[in-house]
Protein backbone atom coordinates (compact mmCIF):
# COMPACT_ATOMS: atom_id res chain seq x y z
CA MET A 1 126.90 98.25 98.34
CA LYS A 2 129.87 99.24 100.46
CA GLU A 3 132.02 102.30 99.84
CA LYS A 4 134.35 103.94 102.34
CA GLY A 5 136.72 106.76 101.52
CA THR A 6 138.97 105.64 98.70
CA LEU A 7 137.89 102.01 99.14
CA ARG A 8 136.41 100.56 95.96
CA ALA A 9 132.65 100.09 95.98
CA TYR A 10 131.59 96.48 96.24
CA GLU A 11 128.51 94.38 96.68
CA LEU A 12 128.70 92.18 99.77
CA ILE A 13 127.18 88.70 99.60
CA ARG A 14 127.29 86.67 102.80
CA SER A 15 126.67 82.93 102.94
CA ARG A 16 127.73 79.82 104.83
CA ARG A 17 130.99 79.67 102.93
CA LYS A 18 134.29 79.39 104.80
CA THR A 19 136.49 81.75 102.82
CA LEU A 20 136.38 85.30 101.47
CA ALA A 21 136.55 85.72 97.71
CA LEU A 22 136.24 88.56 95.22
CA GLU A 23 134.53 88.32 91.86
CA ILE A 24 134.19 90.74 88.97
CA ALA A 25 130.77 90.49 87.31
CA GLU A 26 130.60 90.84 83.55
CA ASP A 27 129.11 94.33 83.97
CA GLY A 28 132.16 95.35 86.01
CA ARG A 29 130.61 95.20 89.48
CA LEU A 30 132.86 94.03 92.30
CA LEU A 31 131.31 91.24 94.37
CA ALA A 32 132.69 90.20 97.75
CA ARG A 33 131.53 86.75 98.84
CA ALA A 34 132.10 86.38 102.55
CA PRO A 35 131.34 84.03 105.48
CA LEU A 36 128.33 85.04 107.56
CA ARG A 37 130.29 86.28 110.58
CA LEU A 38 133.42 87.68 109.00
CA PRO A 39 133.94 91.23 110.39
CA GLN A 40 133.35 94.09 107.98
CA ARG A 41 136.79 95.53 108.68
CA ASP A 42 138.42 92.30 107.50
CA ILE A 43 136.47 92.45 104.28
CA ASP A 44 137.41 96.10 103.72
CA ARG A 45 141.07 95.32 104.38
CA PHE A 46 141.02 92.43 101.90
CA VAL A 47 139.40 94.57 99.21
CA ALA A 48 141.98 97.31 99.74
CA GLN A 49 144.84 94.80 99.46
CA LYS A 50 143.47 93.52 96.16
CA ALA A 51 143.13 96.95 94.54
CA ALA A 52 145.54 96.23 91.69
CA TRP A 53 143.93 92.87 90.93
CA ILE A 54 140.46 94.45 90.97
CA ALA A 55 141.48 97.25 88.62
CA GLY A 56 143.00 94.78 86.18
CA ARG A 57 139.98 92.47 86.12
CA GLN A 58 137.54 95.35 85.77
CA ALA A 59 139.55 96.66 82.81
CA GLU A 60 139.40 93.21 81.21
CA ALA A 61 135.63 93.06 81.74
CA ALA A 62 135.25 96.49 80.16
CA GLU A 63 137.26 95.37 77.13
CA ARG A 64 135.08 92.28 76.75
CA ARG A 65 131.96 94.44 76.85
CA ARG A 66 133.46 96.74 74.22
CA LYS A 67 134.24 93.83 71.91
CA ARG A 68 130.81 92.30 72.46
CA ALA A 69 129.13 95.59 71.53
CA ALA A 70 131.29 95.84 68.41
CA PHE A 71 130.29 92.36 67.18
CA VAL A 72 127.07 92.78 65.21
CA LEU A 73 125.44 90.06 63.15
CA ARG A 74 124.68 91.46 59.70
CA PRO A 75 125.31 90.41 56.10
CA GLY A 76 129.05 90.11 55.69
CA THR A 77 129.76 89.25 59.33
CA ALA A 78 131.73 86.03 59.67
CA VAL A 79 130.75 83.23 62.05
CA ARG A 80 132.93 80.27 63.04
CA PHE A 81 132.44 76.74 61.78
CA ARG A 82 134.94 73.92 62.31
CA GLY A 83 137.91 76.27 62.21
CA ARG A 84 136.66 78.33 59.27
CA GLU A 85 135.04 81.73 59.11
CA LEU A 86 131.78 81.73 57.17
CA PRO A 87 130.45 85.08 55.94
CA LEU A 88 126.73 85.57 56.40
CA ALA A 89 124.55 86.64 53.50
CA SER A 90 120.91 87.63 53.01
CA GLY A 91 118.55 86.21 50.44
CA GLY A 92 116.82 83.07 49.29
CA GLU A 93 116.50 80.08 51.59
CA GLU A 94 118.65 79.20 54.56
CA GLY A 95 121.64 77.17 53.50
CA PHE A 96 125.39 76.76 53.25
CA ASP A 97 126.87 76.78 49.75
CA GLY A 98 130.36 75.72 50.82
CA GLY A 99 131.66 79.25 51.35
CA THR A 100 128.76 81.39 52.53
CA LEU A 101 125.95 80.84 55.03
CA TRP A 102 122.69 82.25 53.70
CA LEU A 103 119.75 83.38 55.82
CA PRO A 104 116.39 84.52 54.40
CA GLU A 105 115.67 88.24 54.33
CA THR A 106 112.74 87.67 56.69
CA VAL A 107 115.17 86.48 59.36
CA TRP A 108 117.29 89.62 59.06
CA GLN A 109 114.17 91.74 59.37
CA GLY A 110 113.65 90.29 62.85
CA GLY A 111 116.85 91.83 64.18
CA GLU A 112 119.89 90.28 65.81
CA ALA A 113 117.88 88.06 68.17
CA ALA A 114 116.15 86.45 65.19
CA VAL A 115 119.45 86.01 63.38
CA ARG A 116 121.04 84.34 66.41
CA ALA A 117 118.04 82.04 66.77
CA ALA A 118 118.25 81.04 63.09
CA LEU A 119 121.97 80.41 63.38
CA ALA A 120 121.44 78.34 66.54
CA GLY A 121 118.98 76.18 64.62
CA TRP A 122 121.40 75.72 61.75
CA TYR A 123 124.31 74.83 64.04
CA ARG A 124 122.17 72.38 66.01
CA ARG A 125 121.11 70.55 62.85
CA GLN A 126 124.72 70.37 61.70
CA ALA A 127 125.79 69.11 65.12
CA GLU A 128 123.11 66.41 65.08
CA GLN A 129 124.40 65.23 61.71
CA GLU A 130 128.13 65.45 62.40
CA LEU A 131 128.97 64.95 66.07
CA PRO A 132 127.35 61.55 66.81
CA PRO A 133 129.12 59.92 63.82
CA LEU A 134 132.42 61.47 64.92
CA ALA A 135 131.90 60.11 68.43
CA ALA A 136 131.09 56.70 66.91
CA GLN A 137 134.36 56.73 64.97
CA TYR A 138 136.41 57.36 68.11
CA ALA A 139 134.30 54.88 70.12
CA GLU A 140 135.07 52.16 67.57
CA ARG A 141 138.75 53.08 67.64
CA THR A 142 139.03 53.08 71.45
CA GLY A 143 136.34 50.67 72.57
CA TRP A 144 134.90 53.35 74.86
CA GLN A 145 131.20 53.00 74.15
CA PRO A 146 128.73 55.67 75.36
CA ALA A 147 125.16 54.72 76.22
CA SER A 148 123.95 57.47 73.88
CA VAL A 149 125.10 60.69 72.21
CA GLY A 150 122.92 63.81 72.12
CA ILE A 151 123.11 67.50 71.29
CA THR A 152 122.25 70.35 73.66
CA GLY A 153 122.31 74.14 73.66
CA ALA A 154 124.67 74.38 76.65
CA ARG A 155 126.41 77.75 76.95
CA THR A 156 128.91 76.86 79.69
CA ARG A 157 130.07 73.33 78.77
CA TRP A 158 131.27 71.92 75.46
CA GLY A 159 130.32 68.42 76.46
CA SER A 160 129.26 66.22 79.35
CA CYS A 161 129.09 62.57 80.33
CA SER A 162 126.52 61.38 82.86
CA GLY A 163 127.02 58.70 85.46
CA THR A 164 125.22 56.32 83.11
CA ASN A 165 127.62 57.20 80.25
CA ARG A 166 125.18 59.31 78.28
CA ILE A 167 127.22 61.88 76.37
CA HIS A 168 125.99 65.29 75.26
CA PHE A 169 127.73 67.91 73.16
CA SER A 170 126.77 71.56 72.81
CA TRP A 171 126.02 72.58 69.24
CA ARG A 172 128.43 75.44 69.87
CA LEU A 173 131.26 72.91 69.67
CA LEU A 174 131.04 73.19 65.89
CA MET A 175 132.33 76.75 66.25
CA ALA A 176 135.67 75.34 67.40
CA PRO A 177 138.56 74.16 65.18
CA GLU A 178 138.61 70.52 64.08
CA GLU A 179 141.43 69.55 66.47
CA ALA A 180 139.56 71.07 69.42
CA ILE A 181 136.33 69.28 68.46
CA ALA A 182 138.19 65.97 68.43
CA TYR A 183 139.65 66.75 71.86
CA VAL A 184 136.19 67.30 73.37
CA VAL A 185 134.84 64.11 71.77
CA VAL A 186 137.73 62.02 73.10
CA HIS A 187 137.54 63.76 76.48
CA GLU A 188 133.90 62.81 76.96
CA LEU A 189 134.39 59.27 75.66
CA ALA A 190 137.23 58.79 78.15
CA HIS A 191 134.77 59.68 80.90
CA THR A 192 132.82 56.52 80.06
CA VAL A 193 135.85 54.65 81.45
CA GLU A 194 137.03 57.07 84.14
CA HIS A 195 134.50 59.59 85.42
CA HIS A 196 136.98 61.76 87.30
CA HIS A 197 139.86 63.89 86.02
CA SER A 198 142.39 61.54 87.54
CA PRO A 199 145.87 60.73 86.20
CA ARG A 200 144.33 57.60 84.69
CA PHE A 201 141.77 59.72 82.86
CA TRP A 202 144.40 61.99 81.31
CA ALA A 203 146.47 58.95 80.36
CA LEU A 204 143.46 57.62 78.47
CA VAL A 205 143.06 60.91 76.60
CA ALA A 206 146.80 61.01 75.82
CA SER A 207 146.71 57.47 74.47
CA VAL A 208 144.43 58.73 71.68
CA LEU A 209 145.54 62.36 71.38
CA PRO A 210 149.15 62.80 72.56
CA ASP A 211 148.87 66.54 71.79
CA TRP A 212 145.68 67.00 73.85
CA GLN A 213 147.13 69.94 75.77
CA GLU A 214 147.69 71.93 72.57
CA ARG A 215 144.19 71.03 71.45
CA ARG A 216 142.78 72.17 74.77
CA GLY A 217 144.65 75.44 74.32
CA ARG A 218 142.91 75.99 70.98
CA LEU A 219 139.60 75.28 72.67
CA ARG A 220 140.26 77.86 75.37
CA GLU A 221 141.17 80.44 72.75
CA THR A 222 137.88 79.65 70.99
CA GLU A 223 136.04 80.12 74.29
CA ARG A 224 137.53 83.60 74.65
CA LEU A 225 136.52 84.61 71.14
CA LEU A 226 133.00 83.23 71.42
CA ARG A 227 132.42 84.99 74.74
CA GLU A 228 133.40 88.25 73.07
CA GLU A 229 130.84 87.52 70.35
CA GLY A 230 128.09 86.64 72.84
CA TRP A 231 127.83 82.93 72.03
CA LEU A 232 128.94 81.65 75.45
CA SER A 233 128.02 82.63 78.97
CA PRO A 234 130.48 85.11 80.54
């Protein structure tokens, strides 16, 4: 950890990289990632020049931590499902009655970790039932056929397409609005034709969803909200 006079404290991480970069960890720590032989004075100077940027990003990280601490899973808390907010309730068997998502009392007795695990299981089962058929609908419409469609617990990616055209979606995708879900499905199907984010790729997406940019915007807003609630990696 480096601290000099009024210079902000930072953690220095040297590697074989070619450029100097600053990063704010989710706990607010300032990380400086630097080339192996970059002089210390150059790093200090760069950190000092970025003081305003650092302060702003650390304030944002603090606000995210505050919101995360304020979000507590308990009966009455709402979770997101296909653009809706479902209140959680305690009692009986696990199930969704069309307006409320019920979890057994024994789950609540296990604390928030147990509640999150139960919810993850419920979302995964819903995703396994709903996302492959949705992908099949768009595949039939476009002719972009994946080798297979599976569900994962990914926390950093909504979906992925392998080099062999195997598509996977995170069960967390069901926490997004309908239009954003469709965007991710079409996005991954388009990768079965064009594996890179080239102009041709985006033209393929636009041929199915002309408003894909607005849909992607909704997805990014969902990402922000779910990070604040602890569902996605920071």
